[in-house]
């Protein structure tokens, strides 16, 4: 269940999810701000936004673990 992605994600969204894995906190913050704008404009679907949000959540958890030294 953990890293499952819906089959209908566009290659663009799949690339964004892959890029999230290497982002720092500032980059994640900028991404989430852009996502809100893209959702409002209709540039990204709800399904794609949820997939990106899950990837952001995993990245934030990884950053937290790095900061805690685990």
PDB file of N, CA and C in Angstrom:
ATOM      1  N   UNK A   1       0.812  -1.189   0.000  1.00  0.00           N
ATOM      2  CA  UNK A   1       0.000   0.000   0.000  1.00  0.00           C
ATOM      3  C   UNK A   1       0.853   1.249   0.000  1.00  0.00           C
ATOM      4  N   UNK A   2       1.966   1.336   0.703  1.00  0.00           N
ATOM      5  CA  UNK A   2       2.750   2.533   0.931  1.00  0.00           C
ATOM      6  C   UNK A   2       3.072   3.386  -0.278  1.00  0.00           C
ATOM      7  N   UNK A   3       3.717   2.855  -1.289  1.00  0.00           N
ATOM      8  CA  UNK A   3       4.165   3.668  -2.415  1.00  0.00           C
ATOM      9  C   UNK A   3       3.301   3.489  -3.652  1.00  0.00           C
ATOM     10  N   UNK A   4       2.111   3.004  -3.492  1.00  0.00           N
ATOM     11  CA  UNK A   4       1.249   2.784  -4.642  1.00  0.00           C
ATOM     12  C   UNK A   4       0.806   4.110  -5.239  1.00  0.00           C
ATOM     13  N   UNK A   5       0.817   4.166  -6.584  1.00  0.00           N
ATOM     14  CA  UNK A   5       0.360   5.353  -7.300  1.00  0.00           C
ATOM     15  C   UNK A   5      -0.791   4.941  -8.209  1.00  0.00           C
ATOM     16  N   UNK A   6      -1.792   5.782  -8.328  1.00  0.00           N
ATOM     17  CA  UNK A   6      -2.872   5.467  -9.265  1.00  0.00           C
ATOM     18  C   UNK A   6      -2.317   5.312 -10.680  1.00  0.00           C
ATOM     19  N   UNK A   7      -2.861   4.376 -11.418  1.00  0.00           N
ATOM     20  CA  UNK A   7      -2.366   4.083 -12.759  1.00  0.00           C
ATOM     21  C   UNK A   7      -2.545   5.246 -13.723  1.00  0.00           C
ATOM     22  N   UNK A   8      -3.445   6.172 -13.436  1.00  0.00           N
ATOM     23  CA  UNK A   8      -3.761   7.221 -14.399  1.00  0.00           C
ATOM     24  C   UNK A   8      -2.966   8.515 -14.199  1.00  0.00           C
ATOM     25  N   UNK A   9      -1.883   8.483 -13.424  1.00  0.00           N
ATOM     26  CA  UNK A   9      -1.083   9.697 -13.241  1.00  0.00           C
ATOM     27  C   UNK A   9      -0.314  10.007 -14.515  1.00  0.00           C
ATOM     28  N   UNK A  10      -0.238  11.279 -14.822  1.00  0.00           N
ATOM     29  CA  UNK A  10       0.508  11.692 -16.008  1.00  0.00           C
ATOM     30  C   UNK A  10       2.006  11.567 -15.741  1.00  0.00           C
ATOM     31  N   UNK A  11       2.801  11.430 -16.796  1.00  0.00           N
ATOM     32  CA  UNK A  11       4.260  11.362 -16.622  1.00  0.00           C
ATOM     33  C   UNK A  11       4.802  12.601 -15.900  1.00  0.00           C
ATOM     34  N   UNK A  12       4.196  13.750 -16.141  1.00  0.00           N
ATOM     35  CA  UNK A  12       4.622  14.987 -15.480  1.00  0.00           C
ATOM     36  C   UNK A  12       4.468  14.868 -13.963  1.00  0.00           C
ATOM     37  N   UNK A  13       3.339  14.345 -13.530  1.00  0.00           N
ATOM     38  CA  UNK A  13       3.084  14.192 -12.103  1.00  0.00           C
ATOM     39  C   UNK A  13       3.996  13.116 -11.518  1.00  0.00           C
ATOM     40  N   UNK A  14       4.211  12.043 -12.238  1.00  0.00           N
ATOM     41  CA  UNK A  14       5.123  10.996 -11.763  1.00  0.00           C
ATOM     42  C   UNK A  14       6.540  11.550 -11.583  1.00  0.00           C
ATOM     43  N   UNK A  15       6.982  12.426 -12.496  1.00  0.00           N
ATOM     44  CA  UNK A  15       8.302  13.066 -12.349  1.00  0.00           C
ATOM     45  C   UNK A  15       8.342  13.953 -11.116  1.00  0.00           C
ATOM     46  N   UNK A  16       7.279  14.695 -10.889  1.00  0.00           N
ATOM     47  CA  UNK A  16       7.216  15.572  -9.710  1.00  0.00           C
ATOM     48  C   UNK A  16       7.314  14.757  -8.429  1.00  0.00           C
ATOM     49  N   UNK A  17       6.618  13.642  -8.388  1.00  0.00           N
ATOM     50  CA  UNK A  17       6.666  12.781  -7.205  1.00  0.00           C
ATOM     51  C   UNK A  17       8.085  12.265  -6.994  1.00  0.00           C
ATOM     52  N   UNK A  18       8.755  11.865  -8.056  1.00  0.00           N
ATOM     53  CA  UNK A  18      10.134  11.393  -7.937  1.00  0.00           C
ATOM     54  C   UNK A  18      11.060  12.516  -7.451  1.00  0.00           C
ATOM     55  N   UNK A  19      10.834  13.723  -7.909  1.00  0.00           N
ATOM     56  CA  UNK A  19      11.668  14.862  -7.504  1.00  0.00           C
ATOM     57  C   UNK A  19      11.485  15.212  -6.033  1.00  0.00           C
ATOM     58  N   UNK A  20      10.304  14.969  -5.507  1.00  0.00           N
ATOM     59  CA  UNK A  20      10.000  15.301  -4.114  1.00  0.00           C
ATOM     60  C   UNK A  20      10.949  14.574  -3.166  1.00  0.00           C
ATOM     61  N   UNK A  21      11.355  13.370  -3.532  1.00  0.00           N
ATOM     62  CA  UNK A  21      12.210  12.565  -2.665  1.00  0.00           C
ATOM     63  C   UNK A  21      13.530  13.249  -2.330  1.00  0.00           C
ATOM     64  N   UNK A  22      13.987  14.193  -3.151  1.00  0.00           N
ATOM     65  CA  UNK A  22      15.245  14.871  -2.896  1.00  0.00           C
ATOM     66  C   UNK A  22      15.088  16.310  -2.432  1.00  0.00           C
ATOM     67  N   UNK A  23      13.862  16.730  -2.144  1.00  0.00           N
ATOM     68  CA  UNK A  23      13.628  18.128  -1.780  1.00  0.00           C
ATOM     69  C   UNK A  23      13.961  18.402  -0.318  1.00  0.00           C
ATOM     70  N   UNK A  24      14.328  19.672  -0.052  1.00  0.00           N
ATOM     71  CA  UNK A  24      14.500  20.113   1.331  1.00  0.00           C
ATOM     72  C   UNK A  24      13.208  20.814   1.763  1.00  0.00           C
ATOM     73  N   UNK A  25      13.179  21.282   3.005  1.00  0.00           N
ATOM     74  CA  UNK A  25      11.946  21.881   3.529  1.00  0.00           C
ATOM     75  C   UNK A  25      11.485  23.101   2.726  1.00  0.00           C
ATOM     76  N   UNK A  26      12.419  23.960   2.328  1.00  0.00           N
ATOM     77  CA  UNK A  26      12.041  25.144   1.558  1.00  0.00           C
ATOM     78  C   UNK A  26      11.427  24.767   0.220  1.00  0.00           C
ATOM     79  N   UNK A  27      11.999  23.766  -0.417  1.00  0.00           N
ATOM     80  CA  UNK A  27      11.469  23.323  -1.707  1.00  0.00           C
ATOM     81  C   UNK A  27      10.084  22.694  -1.556  1.00  0.00           C
ATOM     82  N   UNK A  28       9.890  21.935  -0.484  1.00  0.00           N
ATOM     83  CA  UNK A  28       8.580  21.333  -0.229  1.00  0.00           C
ATOM     84  C   UNK A  28       7.542  22.424   0.010  1.00  0.00           C
ATOM     85  N   UNK A  29       7.917  23.452   0.763  1.00  0.00           N
ATOM     86  CA  UNK A  29       7.005  24.561   1.031  1.00  0.00           C
ATOM     87  C   UNK A  29       6.608  25.258  -0.271  1.00  0.00           C
ATOM     88  N   UNK A  30       7.574  25.522  -1.136  1.00  0.00           N
ATOM     89  CA  UNK A  30       7.284  26.173  -2.415  1.00  0.00           C
ATOM     90  C   UNK A  30       6.380  25.290  -3.277  1.00  0.00           C
ATOM     91  N   UNK A  31       6.642  23.995  -3.275  1.00  0.00           N
ATOM     92  CA  UNK A  31       5.819  23.061  -4.049  1.00  0.00           C
ATOM     93  C   UNK A  31       4.374  23.080  -3.575  1.00  0.00           C
ATOM     94  N   UNK A  32       4.158  23.056  -2.273  1.00  0.00           N
ATOM     95  CA  UNK A  32       2.787  23.034  -1.775  1.00  0.00           C
ATOM     96  C   UNK A  32       2.050  24.327  -2.115  1.00  0.00           C
ATOM     97  N   UNK A  33       2.754  25.443  -2.104  1.00  0.00           N
ATOM     98  CA  UNK A  33       2.131  26.713  -2.491  1.00  0.00           C
ATOM     99  C   UNK A  33       1.736  26.682  -3.971  1.00  0.00           C
ATOM    100  N   UNK A  34       2.613  26.164  -4.821  1.00  0.00           N
ATOM    101  CA  UNK A  34       2.303  26.063  -6.253  1.00  0.00           C
ATOM    102  C   UNK A  34       1.145  25.102  -6.492  1.00  0.00           C
ATOM    103  N   UNK A  35       1.118  24.018  -5.725  1.00  0.00           N
ATOM    104  CA  UNK A  35       0.033  23.037  -5.890  1.00  0.00           C
ATOM    105  C   UNK A  35      -1.322  23.664  -5.647  1.00  0.00           C
ATOM    106  N   UNK A  36      -1.421  24.498  -4.621  1.00  0.00           N
ATOM    107  CA  UNK A  36      -2.703  25.153  -4.329  1.00  0.00           C
ATOM    108  C   UNK A  36      -3.161  25.968  -5.534  1.00  0.00           C
ATOM    109  N   UNK A  37      -2.243  26.693  -6.127  1.00  0.00           N
ATOM    110  CA  UNK A  37      -2.567  27.501  -7.301  1.00  0.00           C
ATOM    111  C   UNK A  37      -2.986  26.610  -8.470  1.00  0.00           C
ATOM    112  N   UNK A  38      -2.270  25.524  -8.671  1.00  0.00           N
ATOM    113  CA  UNK A  38      -2.588  24.615  -9.778  1.00  0.00           C
ATOM    114  C   UNK A  38      -3.947  23.954  -9.587  1.00  0.00           C
ATOM    115  N   UNK A  39      -4.280  23.616  -8.347  1.00  0.00           N
ATOM    116  CA  UNK A  39      -5.580  23.006  -8.075  1.00  0.00           C
ATOM    117  C   UNK A  39      -6.698  23.998  -8.382  1.00  0.00           C
ATOM    118  N   UNK A  40      -6.533  25.228  -7.909  1.00  0.00           N
ATOM    119  CA  UNK A  40      -7.553  26.261  -8.127  1.00  0.00           C
ATOM    120  C   UNK A  40      -7.739  26.530  -9.617  1.00  0.00           C
ATOM    121  N   UNK A  41      -6.637  26.575 -10.377  1.00  0.00           N
ATOM    122  CA  UNK A  41      -6.721  26.848 -11.820  1.00  0.00           C
ATOM    123  C   UNK A  41      -7.190  25.634 -12.615  1.00  0.00           C
ATOM    124  N   UNK A  42      -7.215  24.466 -11.985  1.00  0.00           N
ATOM    125  CA  UNK A  42      -7.619  23.254 -12.695  1.00  0.00           C
ATOM    126  C   UNK A  42      -6.501  22.621 -13.499  1.00  0.00           C
ATOM    127  N   UNK A  43      -5.253  23.016 -13.224  1.00  0.00           N
ATOM    128  CA  UNK A  43      -4.106  22.453 -13.939  1.00  0.00           C
ATOM    129  C   UNK A  43      -3.735  21.063 -13.439  1.00  0.00           C
ATOM    130  N   UNK A  44      -4.262  20.684 -12.293  1.00  0.00           N
ATOM    131  CA  UNK A  44      -3.947  19.390 -11.696  1.00  0.00           C
ATOM    132  C   UNK A  44      -5.248  18.792 -11.175  1.00  0.00           C
ATOM    133  N   UNK A  45      -5.414  17.491 -11.350  1.00  0.00           N
ATOM    134  CA  UNK A  45      -6.639  16.839 -10.895  1.00  0.00           C
ATOM    135  C   UNK A  45      -6.560  16.554  -9.404  1.00  0.00           C
ATOM    136  N   UNK A  46      -7.698  16.267  -8.819  1.00  0.00           N
ATOM    137  CA  UNK A  46      -7.749  15.920  -7.404  1.00  0.00           C
ATOM    138  C   UNK A  46      -6.927  14.665  -7.137  1.00  0.00           C
ATOM    139  N   UNK A  47      -7.019  13.695  -8.003  1.00  0.00           N
ATOM    140  CA  UNK A  47      -6.263  12.443  -7.842  1.00  0.00           C
ATOM    141  C   UNK A  47      -4.765  12.720  -7.882  1.00  0.00           C
ATOM    142  N   UNK A  48      -4.334  13.553  -8.811  1.00  0.00           N
ATOM    143  CA  UNK A  48      -2.912  13.894  -8.896  1.00  0.00           C
ATOM    144  C   UNK A  48      -2.462  14.668  -7.665  1.00  0.00           C
ATOM    145  N   UNK A  49      -3.291  15.577  -7.202  1.00  0.00           N
ATOM    146  CA  UNK A  49      -2.960  16.358  -6.005  1.00  0.00           C
ATOM    147  C   UNK A  49      -2.815  15.450  -4.793  1.00  0.00           C
ATOM    148  N   UNK A  50      -3.687  14.472  -4.662  1.00  0.00           N
ATOM    149  CA  UNK A  50      -3.591  13.527  -3.536  1.00  0.00           C
ATOM    150  C   UNK A  50      -2.315  12.706  -3.617  1.00  0.00           C
ATOM    151  N   UNK A  51      -1.946  12.270  -4.811  1.00  0.00           N
ATOM    152  CA  UNK A  51      -0.722  11.487  -4.976  1.00  0.00           C
ATOM    153  C   UNK A  51       0.502  12.328  -4.612  1.00  0.00           C
ATOM    154  N   UNK A  52       0.523  13.572  -5.045  1.00  0.00           N
ATOM    155  CA  UNK A  52       1.632  14.470  -4.709  1.00  0.00           C
ATOM    156  C   UNK A  52       1.643  14.747  -3.214  1.00  0.00           C
ATOM    157  N   UNK A  53       0.471  14.944  -2.632  1.00  0.00           N
ATOM    158  CA  UNK A  53       0.375  15.197  -1.200  1.00  0.00           C
ATOM    159  C   UNK A  53       0.922  14.021  -0.390  1.00  0.00           C
ATOM    160  N   UNK A  54       0.618  12.811  -0.806  1.00  0.00           N
ATOM    161  CA  UNK A  54       1.151  11.636  -0.113  1.00  0.00           C
ATOM    162  C   UNK A  54       2.672  11.598  -0.222  1.00  0.00           C
ATOM    163  N   UNK A  55       3.206  11.932  -1.391  1.00  0.00           N
ATOM    164  CA  UNK A  55       4.663  11.957  -1.568  1.00  0.00           C
ATOM    165  C   UNK A  55       5.296  13.033  -0.686  1.00  0.00           C
ATOM    166  N   UNK A  56       4.649  14.183  -0.585  1.00  0.00           N
ATOM    167  CA  UNK A  56       5.145  15.256   0.284  1.00  0.00           C
ATOM    168  C   UNK A  56       5.140  14.779   1.735  1.00  0.00           C
ATOM    169  N   UNK A  57       4.087  14.112   2.142  1.00  0.00           N
ATOM    170  CA  UNK A  57       4.006  13.591   3.511  1.00  0.00           C
ATOM    171  C   UNK A  57       5.127  12.613   3.811  1.00  0.00           C
ATOM    172  N   UNK A  58       5.407  11.727   2.855  1.00  0.00           N
ATOM    173  CA  UNK A  58       6.517  10.773   3.045  1.00  0.00           C
ATOM    174  C   UNK A  58       7.848  11.504   3.146  1.00  0.00           C
ATOM    175  N   UNK A  59       8.022  12.548   2.312  1.00  0.00           N
ATOM    176  CA  UNK A  59       9.282  13.300   2.336  1.00  0.00           C
ATOM    177  C   UNK A  59       9.435  14.047   3.649  1.00  0.00           C
ATOM    178  N   UNK A  60       8.367  14.671   4.134  1.00  0.00           N
ATOM    179  CA  UNK A  60       8.439  15.389   5.406  1.00  0.00           C
ATOM    180  C   UNK A  60       8.768  14.441   6.555  1.00  0.00           C
ATOM    181  N   UNK A  61       8.212  13.248   6.504  1.00  0.00           N
ATOM    182  CA  UNK A  61       8.522  12.251   7.540  1.00  0.00           C
ATOM    183  C   UNK A  61       9.997  11.859   7.467  1.00  0.00           C
ATOM    184  N   UNK A  62      10.529  11.704   6.258  1.00  0.00           N
ATOM    185  CA  UNK A  62      11.936  11.361   6.096  1.00  0.00           C
ATOM    186  C   UNK A  62      12.837  12.491   6.600  1.00  0.00           C
ATOM    187  N   UNK A  63      12.461  13.737   6.304  1.00  0.00           N
ATOM    188  CA  UNK A  63      13.247  14.880   6.781  1.00  0.00           C
ATOM    189  C   UNK A  63      13.220  14.912   8.308  1.00  0.00           C
ATOM    190  N   UNK A  64      12.064  14.660   8.890  1.00  0.00           N
ATOM    191  CA  UNK A  64      11.962  14.635  10.356  1.00  0.00           C
ATOM    192  C   UNK A  64      12.893  13.586  10.938  1.00  0.00           C
ATOM    193  N   UNK A  65      12.910  12.406  10.324  1.00  0.00           N
ATOM    194  CA  UNK A  65      13.780  11.346  10.810  1.00  0.00           C
ATOM    195  C   UNK A  65      15.256  11.734  10.684  1.00  0.00           C
ATOM    196  N   UNK A  66      15.607  12.403   9.585  1.00  0.00           N
ATOM    197  CA  UNK A  66      16.988  12.875   9.407  1.00  0.00           C
ATOM    198  C   UNK A  66      17.360  13.870  10.496  1.00  0.00           C
ATOM    199  N   UNK A  67      16.446  14.772  10.814  1.00  0.00           N
ATOM    200  CA  UNK A  67      16.722  15.792  11.828  1.00  0.00           C
ATOM    201  C   UNK A  67      16.830  15.189  13.229  1.00  0.00           C
ATOM    202  N   UNK A  68      16.095  14.116  13.461  1.00  0.00           N
ATOM    203  CA  UNK A  68      16.143  13.452  14.756  1.00  0.00           C
ATOM    204  C   UNK A  68      17.313  12.489  14.857  1.00  0.00           C
ATOM    205  N   UNK A  69      18.004  12.289  13.751  1.00  0.00           N
ATOM    206  CA  UNK A  69      19.164  11.405  13.755  1.00  0.00           C
ATOM    207  C   UNK A  69      18.853   9.938  13.718  1.00  0.00           C
ATOM    208  N   UNK A  70      17.653   9.600  13.319  1.00  0.00           N
ATOM    209  CA  UNK A  70      17.273   8.185  13.266  1.00  0.00           C
ATOM    210  C   UNK A  70      17.656   7.554  11.958  1.00  0.00           C
TER     211      UNK A  70
END
